[in-house]
Every structure is written in structure tokens, then in C-alpha cells.
Protein backbone atom coordinates (compact mmCIF):
# COMPACT_ATOMS: atom_id res chain seq x y z
CA MET A 1 33.24 108.05 232.47
CA LYS A 2 35.52 105.65 234.28
CA SER A 3 34.09 102.75 236.24
CA SER A 4 35.59 101.03 239.28
CA ARG A 5 37.61 98.46 237.34
CA ARG A 6 40.50 97.89 239.76
CA LYS A 7 39.15 99.46 242.94
CA ILE A 8 36.14 101.41 244.19
CA LEU A 9 36.59 104.95 242.90
CA THR A 10 35.67 107.87 245.13
CA THR A 11 34.08 111.24 244.41
CA HIS A 12 31.70 113.79 245.98
CA THR A 13 28.74 115.88 244.85
CA GLY A 14 30.49 119.13 244.07
CA SER A 15 30.32 121.70 246.85
CA LEU A 16 33.26 121.72 249.27
CA PRO A 17 33.99 124.02 252.24
CA ARG A 18 34.94 127.54 251.23
CA PRO A 19 37.47 129.67 253.14
CA ALA A 20 35.87 132.56 255.03
CA ASP A 21 37.54 135.23 252.90
CA LEU A 22 36.30 133.52 249.72
CA VAL A 23 32.76 133.41 251.13
CA ALA A 24 33.04 137.15 251.81
CA VAL A 25 34.02 138.09 248.26
CA LEU A 26 31.45 135.75 246.70
CA ASN A 27 28.72 137.29 248.86
CA ALA A 28 29.91 140.82 248.11
CA LYS A 29 29.54 140.19 244.40
CA GLU A 30 26.17 138.47 244.85
CA VAL A 31 24.54 141.30 246.83
CA GLY A 32 25.96 144.10 244.71
CA GLU A 33 28.68 145.42 247.00
CA SER A 34 31.66 147.06 245.33
CA TYR A 35 34.56 144.71 244.70
CA ASP A 36 37.77 144.54 242.70
CA PRO A 37 37.17 142.22 239.71
CA ALA A 38 40.88 141.41 239.32
CA ALA A 39 41.27 140.59 243.00
CA PHE A 40 38.06 138.56 242.88
CA SER A 41 39.29 136.50 239.92
CA ASP A 42 42.65 135.91 241.56
CA ARG A 43 41.07 134.79 244.83
CA VAL A 44 38.72 132.37 243.07
CA HIS A 45 41.57 130.96 240.99
CA ARG A 46 43.75 130.38 244.05
CA ALA A 47 40.84 128.81 245.93
CA ILE A 48 40.25 126.32 243.11
CA VAL A 49 43.94 125.44 242.94
CA ASP A 50 43.93 124.80 246.69
CA ILE A 51 40.71 122.77 246.73
CA VAL A 52 41.80 120.57 243.83
CA ARG A 53 45.10 119.79 245.54
CA ARG A 54 43.38 119.05 248.83
CA GLN A 55 41.01 116.60 247.16
CA ALA A 56 43.93 114.83 245.52
CA ASP A 57 45.90 114.78 248.77
CA THR A 58 42.88 113.29 250.56
CA GLY A 59 42.72 110.53 247.96
CA ILE A 60 39.55 111.47 246.08
CA ASP A 61 39.64 109.99 242.57
CA VAL A 62 37.04 112.00 240.66
CA ILE A 63 37.36 115.62 241.68
CA GLY A 64 35.85 119.04 240.99
CA ASP A 65 36.40 122.73 241.60
CA GLY A 66 34.47 122.64 244.89
CA GLU A 67 32.06 125.18 243.34
CA HIS A 68 34.47 127.79 244.64
CA SER A 69 33.53 130.27 241.92
CA LYS A 70 29.85 130.15 242.89
CA VAL A 71 28.04 131.77 245.81
CA ASN A 72 26.02 128.55 245.99
CA TRP A 73 24.94 125.71 243.76
CA MET A 74 21.89 127.46 242.28
CA ALA A 75 22.14 131.26 242.65
CA TYR A 76 25.19 131.40 240.38
CA ALA A 77 22.92 130.90 237.35
CA ARG A 78 21.05 134.18 237.80
CA GLY A 79 23.94 136.07 236.25
CA ARG A 80 24.21 133.64 233.36
CA LEU A 81 20.65 134.02 232.07
CA ALA A 82 19.04 136.96 230.29
CA GLY A 83 15.30 137.34 230.67
CA LEU A 84 15.16 137.53 234.47
CA GLU A 85 13.95 140.55 236.42
CA GLU A 86 14.08 141.30 240.15
CA ILE A 87 10.78 142.15 241.84
CA ASP A 88 10.02 143.42 245.34
CA SER A 89 8.69 140.12 246.64
CA PRO A 90 10.20 137.23 248.60
CA PRO A 91 11.22 134.13 246.65
CA ARG A 92 8.22 131.84 246.18
CA PHE A 93 10.08 128.59 246.88
CA ARG A 94 10.32 129.37 250.60
CA GLY A 95 6.84 128.12 251.43
CA ALA A 96 5.71 125.52 253.93
CA THR A 97 6.76 121.91 253.43
CA ARG A 98 5.30 118.69 254.75
CA ASP A 99 8.12 118.55 257.30
CA SER A 100 7.81 122.17 258.43
CA LEU A 101 4.09 121.66 258.94
CA SER A 102 4.76 118.50 260.97
CA PHE A 103 7.55 120.08 263.06
CA PRO A 104 6.72 123.81 263.22
CA GLU A 105 8.77 124.60 266.33
CA THR A 106 11.80 122.72 265.06
CA TYR A 107 11.77 124.58 261.77
CA GLU A 108 11.17 127.96 263.37
CA ASP A 109 14.17 127.45 265.66
CA ALA A 110 16.27 126.42 262.67
CA ARG A 111 15.09 129.46 260.67
CA VAL A 112 16.09 131.88 263.42
CA MET A 113 19.49 130.24 263.82
CA LEU A 114 20.16 130.21 260.08
CA ALA A 115 19.14 133.85 259.73
CA ALA A 116 21.59 134.80 262.46
CA ARG A 117 24.40 132.88 260.81
CA SER A 118 23.57 134.18 257.33
CA GLY A 119 23.55 137.77 258.50
CA ALA A 120 27.02 137.30 259.91
CA ILE A 121 28.55 136.53 256.51
CA VAL A 122 26.85 139.14 254.32
CA PRO A 123 29.21 142.11 253.93
CA LYS A 124 28.17 145.50 255.40
CA ARG A 125 24.41 145.03 255.26
CA THR A 126 21.72 142.42 255.48
CA VAL A 127 19.84 142.06 252.20
CA ARG A 128 16.16 141.21 252.16
CA PRO A 129 15.68 138.27 249.79
CA ARG A 130 14.00 139.42 246.57
CA ALA A 131 12.56 137.20 243.90
CA LEU A 132 13.75 136.99 240.33
CA VAL A 133 11.10 136.18 237.74
CA CYS A 134 11.22 135.41 234.06
CA SER A 135 9.93 138.55 232.34
CA GLY A 136 11.32 138.04 228.83
CA PRO A 137 12.95 135.52 226.47
CA ILE A 138 15.47 133.33 228.26
CA ARG A 139 18.96 133.37 226.78
CA TYR A 140 22.28 132.05 228.06
CA VAL A 141 24.79 134.87 228.57
CA GLY A 142 27.25 133.08 230.85
CA GLN A 143 29.77 132.07 228.20
CA ASP A 144 32.62 134.03 229.78
CA GLU A 145 31.90 132.73 233.29
CA VAL A 146 31.69 129.06 232.32
CA ARG A 147 34.84 129.51 230.24
CA THR A 148 36.59 130.88 233.33
CA ASP A 149 35.35 127.94 235.40
CA ILE A 150 36.79 125.57 232.83
CA GLU A 151 40.12 127.39 232.59
CA ASN A 152 40.48 127.55 236.39
CA LEU A 153 39.87 123.83 236.80
CA LYS A 154 42.22 122.93 233.95
CA ALA A 155 44.96 125.05 235.47
CA ALA A 156 44.39 123.60 238.94
CA LEU A 157 44.65 120.03 237.61
CA ALA A 158 48.16 120.58 236.24
CA GLY A 159 50.47 118.18 238.05
CA VAL A 160 47.63 116.70 240.12
CA GLU A 161 46.80 113.00 240.02
CA ALA A 162 43.11 112.34 239.46
CA GLU A 163 41.12 109.75 237.54
CA GLU A 164 38.68 112.34 236.18
CA ALA A 165 37.24 115.77 236.93
CA PHE A 166 33.73 117.18 236.82
CA ILE A 167 31.91 120.51 236.89
CA THR A 168 28.41 120.96 238.28
CA ALA A 169 25.52 122.84 236.67
CA ILE A 170 21.94 123.46 237.75
CA SER A 171 19.00 121.71 236.07
CA PRO A 172 16.22 123.52 234.15
CA SER A 173 13.63 122.29 236.66
CA ASN A 174 15.36 123.99 239.58
CA LEU A 175 15.66 127.23 237.62
CA GLU A 176 11.92 126.98 237.04
CA LEU A 177 11.43 126.66 240.79
CA TYR A 178 13.57 129.64 241.77
CA TYR A 179 12.62 131.96 238.91
CA GLU A 180 8.86 132.01 238.40
CA ASN A 181 7.56 132.26 234.84
CA HIS A 182 5.85 135.57 234.02
CA TYR A 183 6.47 135.44 230.27
CA TYR A 184 5.99 132.07 228.55
CA PRO A 185 2.45 130.83 227.81
CA SER A 186 3.01 127.43 229.44
CA ALA A 187 5.25 125.54 231.83
CA GLU A 188 6.37 123.32 228.96
CA GLU A 189 7.55 126.29 226.88
CA TYR A 190 9.35 127.85 229.84
CA LEU A 191 11.11 124.58 230.65
CA ALA A 192 12.15 124.18 227.01
CA ALA A 193 13.59 127.70 226.97
CA LEU A 194 15.54 127.07 230.18
CA ALA A 195 16.77 123.75 228.79
CA ASP A 196 17.93 125.34 225.54
CA ALA A 197 19.79 128.04 227.48
CA MET A 198 21.49 125.72 229.95
CA ARG A 199 22.47 123.35 227.16
CA GLU A 200 25.13 125.90 226.23
CA GLU A 201 26.72 125.54 229.67
CA TYR A 202 26.36 121.75 229.66
CA LYS A 203 27.93 121.42 226.22
CA ALA A 204 30.79 123.77 227.06
CA ILE A 205 31.72 121.66 230.09
CA VAL A 206 31.65 118.37 228.16
CA ASP A 207 33.41 119.82 225.11
CA ALA A 208 36.21 120.96 227.43
CA GLY A 209 36.82 117.33 228.42
CA PHE A 210 35.17 117.36 231.84
CA LEU A 211 32.33 115.29 233.19
CA LEU A 212 29.11 117.26 233.57
CA GLN A 213 27.08 116.85 236.76
CA ILE A 214 23.48 118.02 236.57
CA ASP A 215 22.22 119.08 240.00
CA ASP A 216 18.49 118.51 240.36
CA PRO A 217 17.33 118.36 244.00
CA ARG A 218 13.81 119.21 242.87
CA MET A 219 13.26 115.66 241.66
CA ALA A 220 13.55 114.43 245.24
CA THR A 221 12.20 117.49 247.07
CA HIS A 222 9.09 118.43 245.07
CA TYR A 223 6.94 116.03 247.07
CA ASN A 224 7.94 117.65 250.38
CA ARG A 225 7.53 121.15 248.93
CA THR A 226 3.94 120.46 247.76
CA PRO A 227 2.03 119.20 250.82
CA ASP A 228 -1.25 118.72 248.95
CA ALA A 229 0.13 116.69 246.03
CA SER A 230 -0.26 112.93 245.80
CA VAL A 231 2.58 110.58 244.89
CA GLU A 232 1.08 110.09 241.43
CA GLU A 233 0.74 113.84 240.87
CA CYS A 234 4.39 114.27 241.85
CA ARG A 235 5.40 111.50 239.44
CA LYS A 236 3.65 113.29 236.57
CA PHE A 237 5.35 116.52 237.59
CA ILE A 238 8.77 114.83 237.65
CA ALA A 239 8.22 113.07 234.31
CA LEU A 240 7.79 116.40 232.53
CA ARG A 241 10.98 117.74 234.14
CA VAL A 242 12.89 114.61 233.10
CA GLU A 243 11.90 115.42 229.52
CA ALA A 244 13.24 118.95 230.00
CA VAL A 245 16.61 117.72 231.26
CA ASN A 246 16.85 115.25 228.38
CA HIS A 247 16.03 118.08 225.97
CA ALA A 248 18.93 120.05 227.41
CA LEU A 249 21.24 117.04 227.10
CA ARG A 250 20.39 116.19 223.48
CA GLY A 251 23.52 115.39 221.52
CA ILE A 252 25.68 115.23 224.65
CA PRO A 253 27.14 111.74 225.21
CA GLU A 254 25.43 110.02 228.14
CA GLU A 255 28.71 108.61 229.36
CA ARG A 256 29.94 112.17 230.05
CA VAL A 257 26.99 113.05 232.30
CA ARG A 258 26.32 112.49 236.01
CA PHE A 259 22.86 113.24 237.38
CA HIS A 260 22.50 114.21 241.03
CA THR A 261 19.34 114.48 243.06
CA CYS A 262 19.05 114.83 246.82
CA TYR A 263 16.95 116.25 249.64
CA SER A 264 18.93 119.49 250.05
CA VAL A 265 21.00 120.41 253.11
CA ASN A 266 18.06 120.63 255.52
CA VAL A 267 19.52 119.30 258.78
CA ALA A 268 16.06 118.61 260.19
CA PRO A 269 13.62 115.76 260.97
CA ARG A 270 12.80 115.01 257.30
CA VAL A 271 10.12 112.37 257.86
CA HIS A 272 8.41 113.26 254.57
CA ASP A 273 11.26 112.76 252.10
CA PHE A 274 10.04 111.30 248.81
CA GLU A 275 11.05 107.65 248.85
CA LEU A 276 13.42 106.46 246.15
CA ARG A 277 11.06 103.66 245.16
CA HIS A 278 8.51 106.25 244.04
CA PHE A 279 10.75 107.93 241.46
CA VAL A 280 13.72 105.68 240.67
CA ASP A 281 12.22 104.58 237.33
CA LEU A 282 11.79 108.22 236.30
CA MET A 283 15.37 109.04 237.31
CA LEU A 284 16.67 106.19 235.19
CA ARG A 285 15.01 107.71 232.10
CA LEU A 286 17.53 110.54 232.23
CA ARG A 287 20.26 110.51 229.60
CA ALA A 288 23.09 110.14 232.08
CA GLY A 289 25.89 107.67 232.58
CA ALA A 290 25.78 107.80 236.39
CA TYR A 291 23.22 108.58 239.07
CA VAL A 292 24.42 110.34 242.25
CA ILE A 293 21.98 109.74 245.12
CA GLU A 294 21.59 110.02 248.88
CA ALA A 295 22.16 106.71 250.62
CA ALA A 296 23.99 107.38 253.89
CA ASN A 297 21.78 109.50 256.11
CA PRO A 298 19.46 107.62 258.47
CA ARG A 299 16.36 108.40 256.39
CA HIS A 300 17.72 106.72 253.26
CA GLU A 301 20.40 104.19 254.20
CA HIS A 302 17.92 101.31 253.89
CA GLU A 303 17.15 102.21 250.28
CA TRP A 304 20.08 100.23 248.90
CA GLN A 305 17.52 97.42 248.88
CA VAL A 306 15.60 99.20 246.12
CA TRP A 307 18.30 98.05 243.73
CA GLN A 308 17.48 94.43 244.50
CA HIS A 309 14.28 94.97 242.54
CA VAL A 310 15.30 97.70 240.05
CA ASP A 311 17.69 96.96 237.21
CA LEU A 312 20.40 99.55 236.71
CA PRO A 313 20.55 99.89 232.90
CA ALA A 314 23.52 98.35 231.13
CA GLY A 315 26.54 100.62 231.00
CA LYS A 316 25.26 102.91 233.75
CA LEU A 317 26.97 103.60 237.09
CA LEU A 318 25.63 104.28 240.57
CA VAL A 319 27.20 106.85 242.90
CA PRO A 320 25.56 106.35 246.30
CA GLY A 321 26.37 108.62 249.18
CA VAL A 322 28.31 106.60 251.74
CA VAL A 323 29.00 109.56 254.02
CA SER A 324 26.32 112.14 254.80
CA HIS A 325 26.37 115.92 254.69
CA CYS A 326 23.59 116.20 257.32
CA VAL A 327 25.00 113.98 260.09
CA HIS A 328 27.68 115.62 262.23
CA LEU A 329 29.18 112.34 263.39
CA VAL A 330 32.09 111.18 261.23
CA GLU A 331 31.32 107.76 259.78
CA HIS A 332 33.67 104.92 260.68
CA PRO A 333 35.57 103.68 257.61
CA GLU A 334 34.31 100.16 258.29
CA LEU A 335 30.72 101.39 258.08
CA VAL A 336 31.58 103.18 254.83
CA ALA A 337 33.02 99.93 253.49
CA GLN A 338 29.89 98.02 254.46
CA ARG A 339 27.70 100.55 252.66
CA ILE A 340 29.82 100.24 249.52
CA GLU A 341 29.71 96.46 249.66
CA ARG A 342 25.91 96.43 249.90
CA PHE A 343 25.64 98.33 246.64
CA ALA A 344 28.33 96.20 245.03
CA SER A 345 26.33 93.11 245.97
CA VAL A 346 23.29 94.30 244.01
CA VAL A 347 24.70 96.19 241.01
CA GLY A 348 28.28 94.85 240.78
CA ARG A 349 31.53 96.26 242.12
CA GLU A 350 32.60 97.85 238.81
CA ARG A 351 29.39 99.89 238.67
CA VAL A 352 29.72 101.54 242.10
CA ILE A 353 31.55 104.80 242.76
CA ALA A 354 31.58 105.89 246.40
CA GLY A 355 30.24 109.40 246.93
CA THR A 356 28.66 111.81 249.39
CA ASP A 357 24.97 112.41 249.97
CA CYS A 358 25.15 116.08 249.02
CA GLY A 359 27.57 119.00 249.08
CA PHE A 360 29.68 120.37 251.91
CA GLY A 361 29.71 124.13 252.21
CA THR A 362 26.61 124.42 250.04
CA SER A 363 25.49 127.84 251.21
CA GLY A 364 28.26 129.14 253.42
CA ALA A 365 25.52 130.01 255.92
CA GLY A 366 26.26 127.44 258.59
CA ASP A 367 23.50 124.98 257.67
CA GLU A 368 25.96 122.15 257.18
CA VAL A 369 28.71 120.29 259.00
CA HIS A 370 31.85 122.18 260.00
CA PRO A 371 34.66 122.15 257.41
CA GLU A 372 36.85 120.08 259.75
CA VAL A 373 34.07 117.49 259.91
CA ALA A 374 33.56 117.58 256.14
CA TRP A 375 37.20 116.76 255.48
CA ALA A 376 37.18 114.05 258.13
CA LYS A 377 34.18 112.52 256.37
CA LEU A 378 35.95 112.64 253.01
CA ALA A 379 38.97 110.92 254.57
CA ALA A 380 36.64 108.24 255.97
CA LEU A 381 35.13 107.88 252.50
CA VAL A 382 38.55 107.22 250.98
CA GLU A 383 39.57 104.79 253.71
CA GLY A 384 36.24 102.98 253.55
CA ALA A 385 36.60 102.59 249.79
CA ARG A 386 40.09 101.17 250.30
CA ILE A 387 38.77 98.62 252.81
CA ALA A 388 35.87 97.65 250.55
CA SER A 389 38.19 97.33 247.56
CA SER A 390 40.54 95.02 249.45
CA ARG A 391 37.63 92.69 250.08
CA LEU A 392 35.81 93.03 246.76
CA TRP A 393 38.97 92.38 244.75
CA ALA A 394 40.40 89.76 247.10
CA ALA A 395 42.11 86.94 245.21
């Protein structure tokens, strides 16, 4: 994994705005509508070619496929795992959170608005969310799909200037959240099975020459999702999930892995986000070469100071968000530069890569900034990194 040796490198967290017609075909496949597989594959391929070129044209250094083959960052995995069964019950992860209990009217208004927007993009019919549960041995069956992801990104990179490229993949702990265990005798055994399965995807990405980004919002969101749990109880919960991720990453070079945690899209009050100081030591136990974190939205911008008291391990990189996915204002490049320089002052300029707090176009359901705003933010990110670099590498 390249560090910022001559300038501050720029990247993002994976998900980028999807064209409306791409959203339509991804949703059609997801909800079981009839679709033309050849036309689907062609549309996804063209979308990835376009999104790679746009990233390069914008000036992003470390680029990805925009997750343009995936309906969203987590649901894509359901088709890549055997051992899951659909039941007539709503997904369990949609329970009350500390924030929704504190701001019930705000969250109800947001739920109604999101439902209206979501219904508008689902082809032909509105589908009642149904839960998937683990009802048998977990196996990875997504070899063809991850191979296609790899081939599409390789083809899109032809003739494109980029420092490096990455592909995202969901963590075992988030699969555990979305797909409740009805088969394994213990949480530990279920996590190990998920880790063993996802290791196939992780290894395929790294073996193909790409950086692997593990997406694990649950590390940061579990506290909010479990209103009765103490900080210490959440730390114990996270520690076990760190072991599961490390089990999945065994044998994979740390320097080829980025680990991302965040607080989800959730454009809402968010006064109960789990503070970085409560889990940063656990995050740093992960076998990764870089840590991709939220650092730009108003709830977390102050947390750059955590790194004044926490040592980033030797050889590791930090990828703080310096533009936010949940603030509709476009950050001024000078502010972006200041954010970068704060992190450079505490961990060193070579160990900072400028990123985004979370993905743009994560769900395609309208719970994020408009695509025009997303690209304006990415342009501000690039310009801010240029300004910071001119000062950090001044003669």
C-alpha cells in the first residue's frame, strides 16, 4: 500500500453515486424481477468503466469500482453465501437505537421520507423487507461474482492513471448482524464460519493485485444499536469481532488491507455515536495496513486529537475522512487542507491519506447527498489535498 511520500494521496470509502438506470437494474435483480443477464453484465461493466474514469479525471489517487456491481455495500453478500434462508419476518437489525429513542419524531419523519424515496426506485412493486437467517453450514459460493468484479475493475483501469485501486468487501461481524444465526451452537462458531467463507473473497481480491477494504460499520455502530449496553460491554463485543476479522485475514499481507468503520449514512442527530477513544485500541489490533475512519462530520471532527495520545503502529497509515457524506454543504478546500494538516501534525504527513467519511450513493434510496454534491465534495477533497501538500512539502 502506497503512502503519501511526495504529496497527500486521496481516496474514498468505496460507494460512489450510481446512475438511475443502473440503480434500476441492480434493484430488479435484488428483488427477483426478471432481467436480461447479458444486458445486466454489460450495464455494470460500462458503469465501472465510467466511474473509474471519472475518479481519475477528478484527481483521486487510490480508486475503486464505486461498488457499481452491488445493490449496496452489504446486501450483495447474500448471493455469495450458501447456508442462508429467507423467513417471513422483518430484518432484526432495524430496532430502536439510542438516537431514535432520544429523537423519536425526527427518526419517524426520516423513516417516512426514506420509505417514500425507496419505493420510487424499486421496479414494478414494493417489496416488504424479509429477513435472511443462517439455517445451515455457511459456504462461500460467490467465486464467479468476485471474479467478475475483479475483471471489470482491471478492464476499467486500462489507460487510466491511478496510484492504486481497491475493492470493498463486508466484514464477518456485519454479516452476523444482518443474518441471524439459527444453526451454529455459538456466536463464536458462527463468526468463524462467516470469516472462513469471506476469506475466499478477501484473498481473491488481494491475489488479483488490488487493495482489499474491509467494511465494518458495526464496530462503530454497535453501541448505538444496543441502548442497554455499557461501554465496557460493547468493548468486549467488539474485541470478539476483531478476532473474527483477523481470522478471516490470516495469511493475507497486512499492507494490502484497509479497514473501514463508520457510523453509517444516517443523516440524523447522532448524539450517541460511540466515541473513537472508546474503541481505537481495539481497531488497531486489526491486521490492516490502513484505518479508514470518520473525521469530518461535526460529531467527529474534534477526534483528530485522539491521535495525540494514541500511537499509530509503525508502518500503518491513517485515512481520515476530510469531507463528509452526511453534510450537504460542500467543504471549502482550505478547510479540507486544515483537516489534513491536523492529522499530519500528529501522525506524520507520509502516513496520512485523505479520504471521505463514508460512501456516496450507499443505498440508492436518497438517504445521502445528491450526486452533484458528492462529486463537488470529491473535487474539494482533491483541491484541499493539493493545498495541504504544497504547505507540508514546502522547501
